[in-house]
Amino acid sequence: MVQSNQAVFGVMEDEVRWYKGPPSLTITEHWNYDDRKDFHGGYCWMAQGPLPIEWVGIQTRARGLWGQALRDEMEKYNHQVGLKMVGEMLPNEANRVTLDEEKDQYGLKVARITYGWGENDKAMIAHGLDQMQTSLELVGAKELFRQTDDTNHLAGTARMGFDAQTSVVNSDCRSWDIPNLWVCDGSIFPTTGGVNPSLTITAIAMRTASRIRGLAAGGEL
């Protein structure tokens, strides 16, 4: 899984200098809680202030700008504003990591990643883009454009659960198959949620470390 990370950007008449604040200087989680929507799950969106190198990448990838057109757009940098969503992608068994027939320089099969948005994901993204665009229009932003294809925060593939047949680790983040292996990053998530996962990962890591220490103290390791 990933989280949807689409955005809407625009230009303000006044100078903004968006790079001076952290990316999430302002944030709304309204759509994580409001039930009046046509999709499951939720998302938040936040103000953006990408630094110049990243902003160039967005212009070239999302808009296909190059040469003089890119230079002209970069002249507007200090007047730019933007909003970017973090959305909950639902788990889908069709999205997976498997071994490909292609091999690397060591003769080992390389990883094949199969991934795509589901219909619920697409509905959430469309809703988020509309909400962000409306907000920017209301503050007077002009020359709006949508970054419709972006993701962040990888998760899944080592799911936590109660059954070795349907999960990779147990509730202590301990591998069912390898007793001395614990996993405590975003790969254990059964779903991604609609907020930044960093604090959740930190809490899980601390809990797992405490559990390992307790087992070791009791002679169970």
C-alpha atoms as a PDB file:
ATOM      1  CA  MET A   1       0.000   0.000   0.000  1.00  0.00           C
ATOM      2  CA  VAL A   2       0.889   3.668  -0.289  1.00  0.00           C
ATOM      3  CA  GLN A   3      -0.959   6.827   0.622  1.00  0.00           C
ATOM      4  CA  SER A   4      -2.459   9.076  -2.018  1.00  0.00           C
ATOM      5  CA  ASN A   5      -0.458  12.306  -2.218  1.00  0.00           C
ATOM      6  CA  GLN A   6      -2.116  14.381  -4.934  1.00  0.00           C
ATOM      7  CA  ALA A   7      -1.947  18.176  -4.830  1.00  0.00           C
ATOM      8  CA  VAL A   8      -3.315  21.434  -6.224  1.00  0.00           C
ATOM      9  CA  PHE A   9      -1.033  24.450  -6.726  1.00  0.00           C
ATOM     10  CA  GLY A  10      -1.663  28.051  -7.658  1.00  0.00           C
ATOM     11  CA  VAL A  11      -0.187  31.550  -7.832  1.00  0.00           C
ATOM     12  CA  MET A  12      -0.981  34.457  -5.516  1.00  0.00           C
ATOM     13  CA  GLU A  13      -0.702  38.112  -6.498  1.00  0.00           C
ATOM     14  CA  ASP A  14       1.201  38.893  -3.286  1.00  0.00           C
ATOM     15  CA  GLU A  15       4.583  37.399  -2.490  1.00  0.00           C
ATOM     16  CA  VAL A  16       4.199  34.318  -0.258  1.00  0.00           C
ATOM     17  CA  ARG A  17       7.672  32.717   0.020  1.00  0.00           C
ATOM     18  CA  TRP A  18       6.167  29.340   0.888  1.00  0.00           C
ATOM     19  CA  TYR A  19       9.576  27.750   1.475  1.00  0.00           C
ATOM     20  CA  LYS A  20       9.900  29.537   4.845  1.00  0.00           C
ATOM     21  CA  GLY A  21       7.413  27.265   6.651  1.00  0.00           C
ATOM     22  CA  PRO A  22       7.423  23.488   7.152  1.00  0.00           C
ATOM     23  CA  PRO A  23       5.369  21.479   4.621  1.00  0.00           C
ATOM     24  CA  SER A  24       2.547  20.875   7.106  1.00  0.00           C
ATOM     25  CA  LEU A  25       2.341  24.371   8.593  1.00  0.00           C
ATOM     26  CA  THR A  26      -1.441  24.219   8.265  1.00  0.00           C
ATOM     27  CA  ILE A  27      -3.471  21.014   8.122  1.00  0.00           C
ATOM     28  CA  THR A  28      -7.072  19.864   8.115  1.00  0.00           C
ATOM     29  CA  GLU A  29      -8.280  16.390   9.060  1.00  0.00           C
ATOM     30  CA  HIS A  30     -11.948  17.193   8.451  1.00  0.00           C
ATOM     31  CA  TRP A  31     -12.356  14.451   5.873  1.00  0.00           C
ATOM     32  CA  ASN A  32     -11.012  11.834   8.251  1.00  0.00           C
ATOM     33  CA  TYR A  33     -14.109  12.297  10.398  1.00  0.00           C
ATOM     34  CA  ASP A  34     -16.976  13.601   8.288  1.00  0.00           C
ATOM     35  CA  ASP A  35     -19.250  10.792   7.061  1.00  0.00           C
ATOM     36  CA  ARG A  36     -20.825  12.717   4.178  1.00  0.00           C
ATOM     37  CA  LYS A  37     -18.651  11.260   1.443  1.00  0.00           C
ATOM     38  CA  ASP A  38     -18.915   8.625  -1.286  1.00  0.00           C
ATOM     39  CA  PHE A  39     -15.870   6.560  -0.296  1.00  0.00           C
ATOM     40  CA  HIS A  40     -14.568   4.572   2.663  1.00  0.00           C
ATOM     41  CA  GLY A  41     -11.644   5.757   4.753  1.00  0.00           C
ATOM     42  CA  GLY A  42     -10.407   9.301   4.996  1.00  0.00           C
ATOM     43  CA  TYR A  43      -7.703  11.815   4.216  1.00  0.00           C
ATOM     44  CA  CYS A  44      -6.172  15.039   5.426  1.00  0.00           C
ATOM     45  CA  TRP A  45      -4.608  17.820   3.409  1.00  0.00           C
ATOM     46  CA  MET A  46      -1.953  20.337   4.311  1.00  0.00           C
ATOM     47  CA  ALA A  47      -0.135  23.422   3.064  1.00  0.00           C
ATOM     48  CA  GLN A  48       2.923  22.805   0.928  1.00  0.00           C
ATOM     49  CA  GLY A  49       6.215  24.656   0.511  1.00  0.00           C
ATOM     50  CA  PRO A  50       8.493  22.540  -1.699  1.00  0.00           C
ATOM     51  CA  LEU A  51      12.067  23.774  -2.101  1.00  0.00           C
ATOM     52  CA  PRO A  52      13.205  24.823  -5.603  1.00  0.00           C
ATOM     53  CA  ILE A  53      14.729  21.475  -6.677  1.00  0.00           C
ATOM     54  CA  GLU A  54      11.570  19.579  -5.746  1.00  0.00           C
ATOM     55  CA  TRP A  55       9.406  22.255  -7.361  1.00  0.00           C
ATOM     56  CA  VAL A  56      11.333  21.896 -10.624  1.00  0.00           C
ATOM     57  CA  GLY A  57      10.659  18.145 -10.477  1.00  0.00           C
ATOM     58  CA  ILE A  58       6.929  18.739 -10.060  1.00  0.00           C
ATOM     59  CA  GLN A  59       6.921  21.115 -13.028  1.00  0.00           C
ATOM     60  CA  THR A  60       8.756  18.694 -15.301  1.00  0.00           C
ATOM     61  CA  ARG A  61       6.910  15.525 -14.229  1.00  0.00           C
ATOM     62  CA  ALA A  62       3.385  16.766 -13.544  1.00  0.00           C
ATOM     63  CA  ARG A  63       3.213  19.437 -16.232  1.00  0.00           C
ATOM     64  CA  GLY A  64       5.881  18.458 -18.752  1.00  0.00           C
ATOM     65  CA  LEU A  65       7.504  21.901 -18.681  1.00  0.00           C
ATOM     66  CA  TRP A  66      11.036  22.322 -20.012  1.00  0.00           C
ATOM     67  CA  GLY A  67      13.304  25.017 -21.406  1.00  0.00           C
ATOM     68  CA  GLN A  68      12.003  28.582 -21.425  1.00  0.00           C
ATOM     69  CA  ALA A  69       8.532  27.526 -20.219  1.00  0.00           C
ATOM     70  CA  LEU A  70      10.130  25.999 -17.124  1.00  0.00           C
ATOM     71  CA  ARG A  71      12.276  29.099 -16.510  1.00  0.00           C
ATOM     72  CA  ASP A  72       9.217  31.336 -16.792  1.00  0.00           C
ATOM     73  CA  GLU A  73       7.281  29.204 -14.322  1.00  0.00           C
ATOM     74  CA  MET A  74      10.133  29.190 -11.804  1.00  0.00           C
ATOM     75  CA  GLU A  75      10.084  33.003 -11.821  1.00  0.00           C
ATOM     76  CA  LYS A  76       6.754  32.729  -9.970  1.00  0.00           C
ATOM     77  CA  TYR A  77       8.238  30.614  -7.176  1.00  0.00           C
ATOM     78  CA  ASN A  78       7.859  33.162  -4.367  1.00  0.00           C
ATOM     79  CA  HIS A  79       4.185  33.660  -5.256  1.00  0.00           C
ATOM     80  CA  GLN A  80       3.233  29.969  -5.283  1.00  0.00           C
ATOM     81  CA  VAL A  81       0.849  28.274  -2.853  1.00  0.00           C
ATOM     82  CA  GLY A  82      -0.250  24.656  -2.677  1.00  0.00           C
ATOM     83  CA  LEU A  83      -2.224  22.006  -0.823  1.00  0.00           C
ATOM     84  CA  LYS A  84      -1.379  18.284  -0.761  1.00  0.00           C
ATOM     85  CA  MET A  85      -3.425  15.351   0.523  1.00  0.00           C
ATOM     86  CA  VAL A  86      -2.460  12.255   2.509  1.00  0.00           C
ATOM     87  CA  GLY A  87      -5.144   9.679   1.809  1.00  0.00           C
ATOM     88  CA  GLU A  88      -5.939   6.172   3.009  1.00  0.00           C
ATOM     89  CA  MET A  89      -5.427   3.628   0.256  1.00  0.00           C
ATOM     90  CA  LEU A  90      -7.456   0.516   1.019  1.00  0.00           C
ATOM     91  CA  PRO A  91      -5.629  -2.834   1.088  1.00  0.00           C
ATOM     92  CA  ASN A  92      -6.049  -4.871  -2.091  1.00  0.00           C
ATOM     93  CA  GLU A  93      -4.798  -8.424  -2.562  1.00  0.00           C
ATOM     94  CA  ALA A  94      -4.039  -7.659  -6.196  1.00  0.00           C
ATOM     95  CA  ASN A  95      -1.340  -5.213  -5.059  1.00  0.00           C
ATOM     96  CA  ARG A  96       1.666  -7.279  -4.084  1.00  0.00           C
ATOM     97  CA  VAL A  97       5.414  -7.881  -4.207  1.00  0.00           C
ATOM     98  CA  THR A  98       6.461 -11.110  -5.953  1.00  0.00           C
ATOM     99  CA  LEU A  99       9.592 -12.525  -7.575  1.00  0.00           C
ATOM    100  CA  ASP A 100      10.077 -11.902 -11.280  1.00  0.00           C
ATOM    101  CA  GLU A 101      11.798 -14.215 -13.773  1.00  0.00           C
ATOM    102  CA  GLU A 102      14.340 -11.445 -14.432  1.00  0.00           C
ATOM    103  CA  LYS A 103      17.525 -11.849 -12.407  1.00  0.00           C
ATOM    104  CA  ASP A 104      20.073  -9.399 -11.041  1.00  0.00           C
ATOM    105  CA  GLN A 105      23.878  -9.537 -11.358  1.00  0.00           C
ATOM    106  CA  TYR A 106      24.011 -12.174  -8.621  1.00  0.00           C
ATOM    107  CA  GLY A 107      21.579 -14.502 -10.356  1.00  0.00           C
ATOM    108  CA  LEU A 108      18.780 -13.733  -7.902  1.00  0.00           C
ATOM    109  CA  LYS A 109      15.258 -12.989  -9.058  1.00  0.00           C
ATOM    110  CA  VAL A 110      14.350  -9.298  -8.764  1.00  0.00           C
ATOM    111  CA  ALA A 111      11.236  -8.013  -7.038  1.00  0.00           C
ATOM    112  CA  ARG A 112       8.143  -7.335  -9.129  1.00  0.00           C
ATOM    113  CA  ILE A 113       5.775  -4.738  -7.672  1.00  0.00           C
ATOM    114  CA  THR A 114       2.152  -4.980  -8.811  1.00  0.00           C
ATOM    115  CA  TYR A 115       0.225  -1.865  -7.876  1.00  0.00           C
ATOM    116  CA  GLY A 116      -2.782   0.204  -8.894  1.00  0.00           C
ATOM    117  CA  TRP A 117      -5.510   2.412  -7.457  1.00  0.00           C
ATOM    118  CA  GLY A 118      -8.858   0.805  -6.625  1.00  0.00           C
ATOM    119  CA  GLU A 119     -12.200   2.448  -7.334  1.00  0.00           C
ATOM    120  CA  ASN A 120     -12.509   3.639  -3.725  1.00  0.00           C
ATOM    121  CA  ASP A 121      -9.019   5.165  -3.927  1.00  0.00           C
ATOM    122  CA  LYS A 122      -9.929   6.991  -7.130  1.00  0.00           C
ATOM    123  CA  ALA A 123     -13.116   8.387  -5.551  1.00  0.00           C
ATOM    124  CA  MET A 124     -11.145   9.676  -2.562  1.00  0.00           C
ATOM    125  CA  ILE A 125      -8.502  11.292  -4.771  1.00  0.00           C
ATOM    126  CA  ALA A 126     -11.154  13.022  -6.898  1.00  0.00           C
ATOM    127  CA  HIS A 127     -12.865  14.314  -3.766  1.00  0.00           C
ATOM    128  CA  GLY A 128      -9.578  15.564  -2.302  1.00  0.00           C
ATOM    129  CA  LEU A 129      -8.549  17.361  -5.481  1.00  0.00           C
ATOM    130  CA  ASP A 130     -11.903  19.131  -5.673  1.00  0.00           C
ATOM    131  CA  GLN A 131     -11.738  20.202  -2.023  1.00  0.00           C
ATOM    132  CA  MET A 132      -8.185  21.519  -2.315  1.00  0.00           C
ATOM    133  CA  GLN A 133      -8.939  23.403  -5.520  1.00  0.00           C
ATOM    134  CA  THR A 134     -12.022  25.006  -3.968  1.00  0.00           C
ATOM    135  CA  SER A 135      -9.962  26.158  -0.984  1.00  0.00           C
ATOM    136  CA  LEU A 136      -7.292  27.749  -3.168  1.00  0.00           C
ATOM    137  CA  GLU A 137      -9.902  29.451  -5.327  1.00  0.00           C
ATOM    138  CA  LEU A 138     -11.491  30.954  -2.216  1.00  0.00           C
ATOM    139  CA  VAL A 139      -8.216  32.606  -1.150  1.00  0.00           C
ATOM    140  CA  GLY A 140      -7.733  34.082  -4.618  1.00  0.00           C
ATOM    141  CA  ALA A 141      -5.124  31.757  -6.110  1.00  0.00           C
ATOM    142  CA  LYS A 142      -4.830  31.846  -9.906  1.00  0.00           C
ATOM    143  CA  GLU A 143      -3.265  29.610 -12.573  1.00  0.00           C
ATOM    144  CA  LEU A 144      -4.311  26.480 -10.669  1.00  0.00           C
ATOM    145  CA  PHE A 145      -3.023  23.087 -11.712  1.00  0.00           C
ATOM    146  CA  ARG A 146      -3.453  19.602 -10.287  1.00  0.00           C
ATOM    147  CA  GLN A 147      -0.702  17.103  -9.542  1.00  0.00           C
ATOM    148  CA  THR A 148      -2.816  14.012 -10.083  1.00  0.00           C
ATOM    149  CA  ASP A 149      -0.232  11.224  -9.901  1.00  0.00           C
ATOM    150  CA  ASP A 150       1.804  11.092  -6.703  1.00  0.00           C
ATOM    151  CA  THR A 151       2.141   8.764  -3.712  1.00  0.00           C
ATOM    152  CA  ASN A 152       3.993   8.620  -0.411  1.00  0.00           C
ATOM    153  CA  HIS A 153       4.483   6.518   2.731  1.00  0.00           C
ATOM    154  CA  LEU A 154       4.954   2.919   1.653  1.00  0.00           C
ATOM    155  CA  ALA A 155       3.144   0.361   3.815  1.00  0.00           C
ATOM    156  CA  GLY A 156       2.065  -3.253   3.835  1.00  0.00           C
ATOM    157  CA  THR A 157       3.569  -6.556   2.575  1.00  0.00           C
ATOM    158  CA  ALA A 158       4.403  -7.775   6.128  1.00  0.00           C
ATOM    159  CA  ARG A 159       0.926  -7.512   7.625  1.00  0.00           C
ATOM    160  CA  MET A 160       0.313  -7.790  11.369  1.00  0.00           C
ATOM    161  CA  GLY A 161      -2.416 -10.217  12.363  1.00  0.00           C
ATOM    162  CA  PHE A 162      -3.615 -13.086  14.525  1.00  0.00           C
ATOM    163  CA  ASP A 163      -3.171 -15.928  12.015  1.00  0.00           C
ATOM    164  CA  ALA A 164       0.036 -17.135  10.345  1.00  0.00           C
ATOM    165  CA  GLN A 165      -1.997 -18.016   7.241  1.00  0.00           C
ATOM    166  CA  THR A 166      -3.136 -14.442   6.639  1.00  0.00           C
ATOM    167  CA  SER A 167      -0.362 -12.328   8.151  1.00  0.00           C
ATOM    168  CA  VAL A 168       3.431 -12.119   8.418  1.00  0.00           C
ATOM    169  CA  VAL A 169       3.898 -10.991  12.033  1.00  0.00           C
ATOM    170  CA  ASN A 170       1.877 -11.399  15.214  1.00  0.00           C
ATOM    171  CA  SER A 171       0.601  -8.623  17.490  1.00  0.00           C
ATOM    172  CA  ASP A 172       4.126  -8.236  18.956  1.00  0.00           C
ATOM    173  CA  CYS A 173       5.519  -7.654  15.428  1.00  0.00           C
ATOM    174  CA  ARG A 174       7.290 -11.028  15.666  1.00  0.00           C
ATOM    175  CA  SER A 175       7.566 -13.127  12.534  1.00  0.00           C
ATOM    176  CA  TRP A 176       5.437 -16.270  12.542  1.00  0.00           C
ATOM    177  CA  ASP A 177       8.095 -18.151  10.565  1.00  0.00           C
ATOM    178  CA  ILE A 178      11.382 -16.818  11.981  1.00  0.00           C
ATOM    179  CA  PRO A 179      11.276 -16.617  15.816  1.00  0.00           C
ATOM    180  CA  ASN A 180      14.181 -14.171  16.179  1.00  0.00           C
ATOM    181  CA  LEU A 181      12.850 -11.723  13.574  1.00  0.00           C
ATOM    182  CA  TRP A 182      10.741  -8.685  14.504  1.00  0.00           C
ATOM    183  CA  VAL A 183       9.432  -6.131  12.002  1.00  0.00           C
ATOM    184  CA  CYS A 184       8.346  -2.708  13.236  1.00  0.00           C
ATOM    185  CA  ASP A 185       8.063  -0.331  10.288  1.00  0.00           C
ATOM    186  CA  GLY A 186       5.159   0.610   8.030  1.00  0.00           C
ATOM    187  CA  SER A 187       5.192  -2.769   6.303  1.00  0.00           C
ATOM    188  CA  ILE A 188       3.192  -4.326   9.159  1.00  0.00           C
ATOM    189  CA  PHE A 189       0.203  -2.011   8.657  1.00  0.00           C
ATOM    190  CA  PRO A 190      -3.021  -3.799   7.622  1.00  0.00           C
ATOM    191  CA  THR A 191      -4.238  -0.407   6.366  1.00  0.00           C
ATOM    192  CA  THR A 192      -2.510   2.941   5.923  1.00  0.00           C
ATOM    193  CA  GLY A 193      -4.868   5.407   7.590  1.00  0.00           C
ATOM    194  CA  GLY A 194      -5.394   8.957   6.437  1.00  0.00           C
ATOM    195  CA  VAL A 195      -2.575  10.745   8.308  1.00  0.00           C
ATOM    196  CA  ASN A 196       1.221  10.725   8.295  1.00  0.00           C
ATOM    197  CA  PRO A 197       2.271   7.334   9.775  1.00  0.00           C
ATOM    198  CA  SER A 198       5.587   8.391  11.359  1.00  0.00           C
ATOM    199  CA  LEU A 199       4.376   8.657  14.954  1.00  0.00           C
ATOM    200  CA  THR A 200       2.531   5.340  14.703  1.00  0.00           C
ATOM    201  CA  ILE A 201       5.675   3.634  13.404  1.00  0.00           C
ATOM    202  CA  THR A 202       7.701   5.173  16.238  1.00  0.00           C
ATOM    203  CA  ALA A 203       5.205   3.963  18.844  1.00  0.00           C
ATOM    204  CA  ILE A 204       5.162   0.455  17.369  1.00  0.00           C
ATOM    205  CA  ALA A 205       8.975   0.320  17.320  1.00  0.00           C
ATOM    206  CA  MET A 206       9.179   1.379  20.974  1.00  0.00           C
ATOM    207  CA  ARG A 207       6.513  -1.152  21.944  1.00  0.00           C
ATOM    208  CA  THR A 208       8.323  -3.917  20.064  1.00  0.00           C
ATOM    209  CA  ALA A 209      11.658  -3.054  21.706  1.00  0.00           C
ATOM    210  CA  SER A 210       9.993  -3.180  25.122  1.00  0.00           C
ATOM    211  CA  ARG A 211       8.463  -6.545  24.302  1.00  0.00           C
ATOM    212  CA  ILE A 212      11.830  -7.969  23.184  1.00  0.00           C
ATOM    213  CA  ARG A 213      13.471  -6.719  26.380  1.00  0.00           C
ATOM    214  CA  GLY A 214      10.722  -8.312  28.479  1.00  0.00           C
ATOM    215  CA  LEU A 215      11.036 -11.652  26.715  1.00  0.00           C
ATOM    216  CA  ALA A 216      14.806 -11.594  27.063  1.00  0.00           C
ATOM    217  CA  ALA A 217      14.597 -10.778  30.774  1.00  0.00           C
ATOM    218  CA  GLY A 218      12.272 -13.727  31.279  1.00  0.00           C
ATOM    219  CA  GLY A 219      14.592 -16.111  29.445  1.00  0.00           C
ATOM    220  CA  GLU A 220      12.139 -16.623  26.585  1.00  0.00           C
ATOM    221  CA  LEU A 221      14.617 -15.595  23.861  1.00  0.00           C
END
